[in-house]
């Protein structure tokens, strides 16, 4: 990947992650005083992934620094995993996060779409 491609990818990840976080924040079931545990834990996972992205030095990434490239790979993998989890309808995610597996949390069309867009970067 060229320096310009690296820079563009970093900017795209940042923008799409912000959009996903905003979509989470706009969902009243997630930001209520007592949020659904599945939604709470996944939102926390997304925010922690975004915080990791923020620690990556753009100049080092653009220059092809191995540590920065590995960090971007980690963020990208976490984003792809997020998309898989958001689209889980089996109840396994709810079971892992203390929710009711017989009633998996529906993240809604907006969050699902934002997660897919992010996973496709």
Protein backbone atom coordinates (compact mmCIF):
# COMPACT_ATOMS: atom_id res chain seq x y z
CA UNK A 1 0.00 0.00 0.00
CA UNK A 2 1.30 3.46 -0.83
CA UNK A 3 1.70 6.24 1.69
CA UNK A 4 -1.35 7.99 0.23
CA UNK A 5 -3.44 4.80 0.40
CA UNK A 6 -2.40 4.25 4.03
CA UNK A 7 -3.36 7.80 4.92
CA UNK A 8 -6.71 7.48 3.16
CA UNK A 9 -7.46 4.18 4.89
CA UNK A 10 -6.70 5.65 8.30
CA UNK A 11 -9.00 8.60 7.59
CA UNK A 12 -11.75 6.28 6.35
CA UNK A 13 -11.50 4.09 9.46
CA UNK A 14 -11.67 7.14 11.69
CA UNK A 15 -14.70 8.58 9.90
CA UNK A 16 -16.63 5.30 9.76
CA UNK A 17 -15.87 4.47 13.39
CA UNK A 18 -17.18 7.89 14.42
CA UNK A 19 -20.36 7.23 12.43
CA UNK A 20 -20.85 3.88 14.16
CA UNK A 21 -20.31 5.42 17.59
CA UNK A 22 -22.81 8.18 16.76
CA UNK A 23 -25.33 5.56 15.65
CA UNK A 24 -24.91 3.77 18.99
CA UNK A 25 -25.30 7.05 20.88
CA UNK A 26 -28.49 7.86 18.96
CA UNK A 27 -30.15 4.61 20.03
CA UNK A 28 -32.19 5.20 23.21
CA UNK A 29 -32.04 1.51 24.17
CA UNK A 30 -28.28 1.75 24.33
CA UNK A 31 -27.92 5.08 26.12
CA UNK A 32 -30.74 4.60 28.63
CA UNK A 33 -29.88 4.62 32.35
CA UNK A 34 -30.18 0.81 32.30
CA UNK A 35 -28.96 -0.25 28.85
CA UNK A 36 -29.33 -3.72 27.46
CA UNK A 37 -26.18 -5.62 28.55
CA UNK A 38 -25.43 -6.89 25.05
CA UNK A 39 -25.66 -3.40 23.60
CA UNK A 40 -23.62 -1.95 26.47
CA UNK A 41 -20.76 -4.41 26.07
CA UNK A 42 -20.65 -4.15 22.30
CA UNK A 43 -20.73 -0.35 22.42
CA UNK A 44 -17.84 -0.47 24.89
CA UNK A 45 -15.96 -2.81 22.53
CA UNK A 46 -16.46 -0.34 19.66
CA UNK A 47 -15.32 2.63 21.78
CA UNK A 48 -12.22 0.73 22.94
CA UNK A 49 -11.41 -0.17 19.34
CA UNK A 50 -11.76 3.49 18.37
CA UNK A 51 -9.47 4.49 21.24
CA UNK A 52 -6.88 2.04 19.89
CA UNK A 53 -7.19 3.65 16.46
CA UNK A 54 -6.54 7.05 18.03
CA UNK A 55 -3.20 5.87 19.43
CA UNK A 56 -1.80 4.99 16.00
CA UNK A 57 0.71 7.50 14.71
CA UNK A 58 -0.52 8.50 11.24
CA UNK A 59 2.95 9.36 9.97
CA UNK A 60 4.37 6.01 11.07
CA UNK A 61 1.42 4.18 9.52
CA UNK A 62 1.74 6.14 6.28
CA UNK A 63 5.44 5.27 6.11
CA UNK A 64 4.70 1.56 6.48
CA UNK A 65 5.96 1.12 10.05
CA UNK A 66 5.39 -2.54 11.03
CA UNK A 67 4.02 -1.74 14.50
CA UNK A 68 1.53 0.79 13.10
CA UNK A 69 0.49 -1.63 10.35
CA UNK A 70 -0.09 -4.35 12.95
CA UNK A 71 -2.17 -1.97 15.04
CA UNK A 72 -4.34 -1.12 12.04
CA UNK A 73 -4.75 -4.82 11.33
CA UNK A 74 -5.94 -5.30 14.92
CA UNK A 75 -8.46 -2.46 14.58
CA UNK A 76 -9.66 -3.82 11.25
CA UNK A 77 -10.12 -7.32 12.67
CA UNK A 78 -12.03 -5.96 15.66
CA UNK A 79 -14.27 -3.97 13.31
CA UNK A 80 -15.02 -7.08 11.27
CA UNK A 81 -15.78 -9.01 14.47
CA UNK A 82 -18.08 -6.18 15.57
CA UNK A 83 -20.06 -6.53 12.36
CA UNK A 84 -20.42 -10.27 12.91
CA UNK A 85 -21.57 -9.76 16.50
CA UNK A 86 -24.04 -6.99 15.62
CA UNK A 87 -25.67 -9.28 13.09
CA UNK A 88 -25.83 -12.28 15.47
CA UNK A 89 -29.39 -13.54 15.81
CA UNK A 90 -28.56 -16.86 17.45
CA UNK A 91 -28.59 -15.51 21.00
CA UNK A 92 -24.96 -16.49 21.59
CA UNK A 93 -23.86 -12.87 21.91
CA UNK A 94 -26.60 -12.23 24.45
CA UNK A 95 -25.51 -15.31 26.39
CA UNK A 96 -21.91 -14.08 26.45
CA UNK A 97 -22.90 -10.61 27.65
CA UNK A 98 -25.47 -11.44 30.30
CA UNK A 99 -28.50 -10.79 28.13
CA UNK A 100 -31.46 -13.02 27.43
CA UNK A 101 -30.42 -15.49 24.69
CA UNK A 102 -34.06 -16.16 23.84
CA UNK A 103 -34.43 -12.47 22.95
CA UNK A 104 -31.23 -11.30 21.22
CA UNK A 105 -30.81 -7.53 21.07
CA UNK A 106 -31.70 -6.02 17.69
CA UNK A 107 -29.21 -3.25 16.95
CA UNK A 108 -31.41 -1.89 14.16
CA UNK A 109 -30.79 -1.15 10.53
CA UNK A 110 -28.64 1.95 11.04
CA UNK A 111 -26.11 0.35 13.38
CA UNK A 112 -26.00 -2.81 11.25
CA UNK A 113 -25.34 -0.77 8.11
CA UNK A 114 -22.64 1.36 9.77
CA UNK A 115 -20.94 -1.77 11.13
CA UNK A 116 -20.96 -3.38 7.67
CA UNK A 117 -19.54 -0.24 6.04
CA UNK A 118 -16.77 -0.21 8.62
CA UNK A 119 -16.01 -3.92 8.22
CA UNK A 120 -15.66 -3.41 4.45
CA UNK A 121 -12.73 -0.97 4.82
